[in-house]
Amino acid sequence: MKRKYVSIPEALEILSKKDSLSESEKDALQYIEGFSKIDEKVARKAVPEIKKLVELPDKVIIKLIDLKPTNKEEITTVVSSYGVIISEKDLNTLVDYFNSL
């Protein structure tokens, strides 16, 4: 089985469309409803857009989409938690991108 990272909005969409949910899925749905910051369609579109702008691992891109950071400090905190170092230019690019969502 191949794993794929999905954002919180994508997970919300997937669980919302299921006909019947297990107890753990119901709990997960209730939890992620409170944390989804952007629309699922915007989140799906954001992944390839960010990949074109900045070279980052998929899991870092997904986490950035989940958190929708608004400044350099927030972005730096997220990427550094994955051991990624990002240039000032890329930081500015990401700040501009997320503030435009």
C-alpha atoms as a PDB file:
ATOM      1  CA  MET A   1       0.000   0.000   0.000  1.00  0.00           C
ATOM      2  CA  LYS A   2       1.356   3.410  -0.986  1.00  0.00           C
ATOM      3  CA  ARG A   3       1.044   6.262   1.508  1.00  0.00           C
ATOM      4  CA  LYS A   4       0.058   9.731   0.465  1.00  0.00           C
ATOM      5  CA  TYR A   5       0.077  12.809   2.636  1.00  0.00           C
ATOM      6  CA  VAL A   6      -3.251  14.655   2.686  1.00  0.00           C
ATOM      7  CA  SER A   7      -4.056  18.000   4.198  1.00  0.00           C
ATOM      8  CA  ILE A   8      -6.646  18.536   6.900  1.00  0.00           C
ATOM      9  CA  PRO A   9      -9.131  20.018   4.389  1.00  0.00           C
ATOM     10  CA  GLU A  10      -8.663  16.972   2.127  1.00  0.00           C
ATOM     11  CA  ALA A  11      -9.160  14.575   5.057  1.00  0.00           C
ATOM     12  CA  LEU A  12     -12.289  16.499   6.037  1.00  0.00           C
ATOM     13  CA  GLU A  13     -13.641  16.129   2.506  1.00  0.00           C
ATOM     14  CA  ILE A  14     -12.847  12.398   2.392  1.00  0.00           C
ATOM     15  CA  LEU A  15     -14.495  11.659   5.737  1.00  0.00           C
ATOM     16  CA  SER A  16     -17.492  13.892   5.016  1.00  0.00           C
ATOM     17  CA  LYS A  17     -18.290  11.943   1.848  1.00  0.00           C
ATOM     18  CA  LYS A  18     -18.278   8.518   3.515  1.00  0.00           C
ATOM     19  CA  ASP A  19     -21.704   6.945   3.989  1.00  0.00           C
ATOM     20  CA  SER A  20     -20.944   5.360   7.324  1.00  0.00           C
ATOM     21  CA  LEU A  21     -18.135   6.128   9.726  1.00  0.00           C
ATOM     22  CA  SER A  22     -16.528   4.031  12.411  1.00  0.00           C
ATOM     23  CA  GLU A  23     -16.232   5.536  15.882  1.00  0.00           C
ATOM     24  CA  SER A  24     -12.597   6.470  15.292  1.00  0.00           C
ATOM     25  CA  GLU A  25     -13.503   8.106  11.967  1.00  0.00           C
ATOM     26  CA  LYS A  26     -16.282  10.075  13.673  1.00  0.00           C
ATOM     27  CA  ASP A  27     -13.803  11.251  16.301  1.00  0.00           C
ATOM     28  CA  ALA A  28     -11.284  12.202  13.606  1.00  0.00           C
ATOM     29  CA  LEU A  29     -13.947  14.080  11.641  1.00  0.00           C
ATOM     30  CA  GLN A  30     -15.045  16.018  14.702  1.00  0.00           C
ATOM     31  CA  TYR A  31     -11.418  16.860  15.509  1.00  0.00           C
ATOM     32  CA  ILE A  32     -10.408  18.034  12.034  1.00  0.00           C
ATOM     33  CA  GLU A  33     -13.547  20.123  11.560  1.00  0.00           C
ATOM     34  CA  GLY A  34     -12.149  22.478  14.172  1.00  0.00           C
ATOM     35  CA  PHE A  35      -8.752  22.778  12.487  1.00  0.00           C
ATOM     36  CA  SER A  36      -9.518  23.136   8.800  1.00  0.00           C
ATOM     37  CA  LYS A  37      -8.406  26.634   7.792  1.00  0.00           C
ATOM     38  CA  ILE A  38      -8.960  26.521   4.023  1.00  0.00           C
ATOM     39  CA  ASP A  39     -11.298  24.907   1.517  1.00  0.00           C
ATOM     40  CA  GLU A  40     -10.427  21.424   0.247  1.00  0.00           C
ATOM     41  CA  LYS A  41     -10.274  22.573  -3.382  1.00  0.00           C
ATOM     42  CA  VAL A  42      -7.867  25.357  -2.454  1.00  0.00           C
ATOM     43  CA  ALA A  43      -5.721  22.866  -0.520  1.00  0.00           C
ATOM     44  CA  ARG A  44      -5.541  20.443  -3.465  1.00  0.00           C
ATOM     45  CA  LYS A  45      -4.566  23.275  -5.802  1.00  0.00           C
ATOM     46  CA  ALA A  46      -2.001  24.635  -3.326  1.00  0.00           C
ATOM     47  CA  VAL A  47       0.242  21.552  -3.314  1.00  0.00           C
ATOM     48  CA  PRO A  48       1.376  21.782  -6.963  1.00  0.00           C
ATOM     49  CA  GLU A  49       1.479  25.573  -6.799  1.00  0.00           C
ATOM     50  CA  ILE A  50       3.825  25.523  -3.803  1.00  0.00           C
ATOM     51  CA  LYS A  51       5.975  22.843  -5.466  1.00  0.00           C
ATOM     52  CA  LYS A  52       6.466  25.208  -8.407  1.00  0.00           C
ATOM     53  CA  LEU A  53       7.478  28.055  -6.101  1.00  0.00           C
ATOM     54  CA  VAL A  54       9.718  26.332  -3.558  1.00  0.00           C
ATOM     55  CA  GLU A  55      11.452  22.979  -3.339  1.00  0.00           C
ATOM     56  CA  LEU A  56      10.135  21.275  -0.205  1.00  0.00           C
ATOM     57  CA  PRO A  57       9.196  17.703   0.752  1.00  0.00           C
ATOM     58  CA  ASP A  58       5.494  16.831   0.383  1.00  0.00           C
ATOM     59  CA  LYS A  59       5.005  16.355   4.112  1.00  0.00           C
ATOM     60  CA  VAL A  60       6.304  19.884   4.776  1.00  0.00           C
ATOM     61  CA  ILE A  61       4.040  21.369   2.109  1.00  0.00           C
ATOM     62  CA  ILE A  62       1.020  19.579   3.577  1.00  0.00           C
ATOM     63  CA  LYS A  63       1.838  20.799   7.083  1.00  0.00           C
ATOM     64  CA  LEU A  64       2.189  24.371   5.810  1.00  0.00           C
ATOM     65  CA  ILE A  65      -1.204  24.085   4.118  1.00  0.00           C
ATOM     66  CA  ASP A  66      -2.733  22.698   7.326  1.00  0.00           C
ATOM     67  CA  LEU A  67      -1.371  25.564   9.406  1.00  0.00           C
ATOM     68  CA  LYS A  68      -1.669  28.343   6.796  1.00  0.00           C
ATOM     69  CA  PRO A  69       1.173  30.395   8.275  1.00  0.00           C
ATOM     70  CA  THR A  70       1.030  34.170   7.945  1.00  0.00           C
ATOM     71  CA  ASN A  71       4.613  35.225   8.636  1.00  0.00           C
ATOM     72  CA  LYS A  72       8.239  34.156   8.258  1.00  0.00           C
ATOM     73  CA  GLU A  73       8.552  33.002  11.846  1.00  0.00           C
ATOM     74  CA  GLU A  74       5.654  30.563  11.542  1.00  0.00           C
ATOM     75  CA  ILE A  75       6.997  29.154   8.270  1.00  0.00           C
ATOM     76  CA  THR A  76      10.508  28.827   9.705  1.00  0.00           C
ATOM     77  CA  THR A  77       9.149  26.989  12.733  1.00  0.00           C
ATOM     78  CA  VAL A  78       7.306  24.470  10.558  1.00  0.00           C
ATOM     79  CA  VAL A  79      10.086  23.776   8.066  1.00  0.00           C
ATOM     80  CA  SER A  80      12.810  23.605  10.709  1.00  0.00           C
ATOM     81  CA  SER A  81      10.807  21.010  12.647  1.00  0.00           C
ATOM     82  CA  TYR A  82      11.361  18.764   9.601  1.00  0.00           C
ATOM     83  CA  GLY A  83      15.080  19.601   9.473  1.00  0.00           C
ATOM     84  CA  VAL A  84      14.660  21.792   6.388  1.00  0.00           C
ATOM     85  CA  ILE A  85      16.516  25.052   5.934  1.00  0.00           C
ATOM     86  CA  ILE A  86      14.836  27.629   3.724  1.00  0.00           C
ATOM     87  CA  SER A  87      16.253  30.742   2.092  1.00  0.00           C
ATOM     88  CA  GLU A  88      15.008  34.255   2.807  1.00  0.00           C
ATOM     89  CA  LYS A  89      13.727  34.491  -0.778  1.00  0.00           C
ATOM     90  CA  ASP A  90      11.708  31.281  -0.394  1.00  0.00           C
ATOM     91  CA  LEU A  91      10.378  32.481   2.970  1.00  0.00           C
ATOM     92  CA  ASN A  92       9.132  35.687   1.375  1.00  0.00           C
ATOM     93  CA  THR A  93       7.611  33.728  -1.510  1.00  0.00           C
ATOM     94  CA  LEU A  94       5.713  31.470   0.902  1.00  0.00           C
ATOM     95  CA  VAL A  95       4.521  34.370   3.064  1.00  0.00           C
ATOM     96  CA  ASP A  96       3.165  36.104  -0.036  1.00  0.00           C
ATOM     97  CA  TYR A  97       1.534  32.880  -1.224  1.00  0.00           C
ATOM     98  CA  PHE A  98      -0.213  32.060   2.053  1.00  0.00           C
ATOM     99  CA  ASN A  99      -1.342  35.638   2.582  1.00  0.00           C
ATOM    100  CA  SER A 100      -2.969  35.532  -0.854  1.00  0.00           C
ATOM    101  CA  LEU A 101      -5.149  32.510   0.045  1.00  0.00           C
END
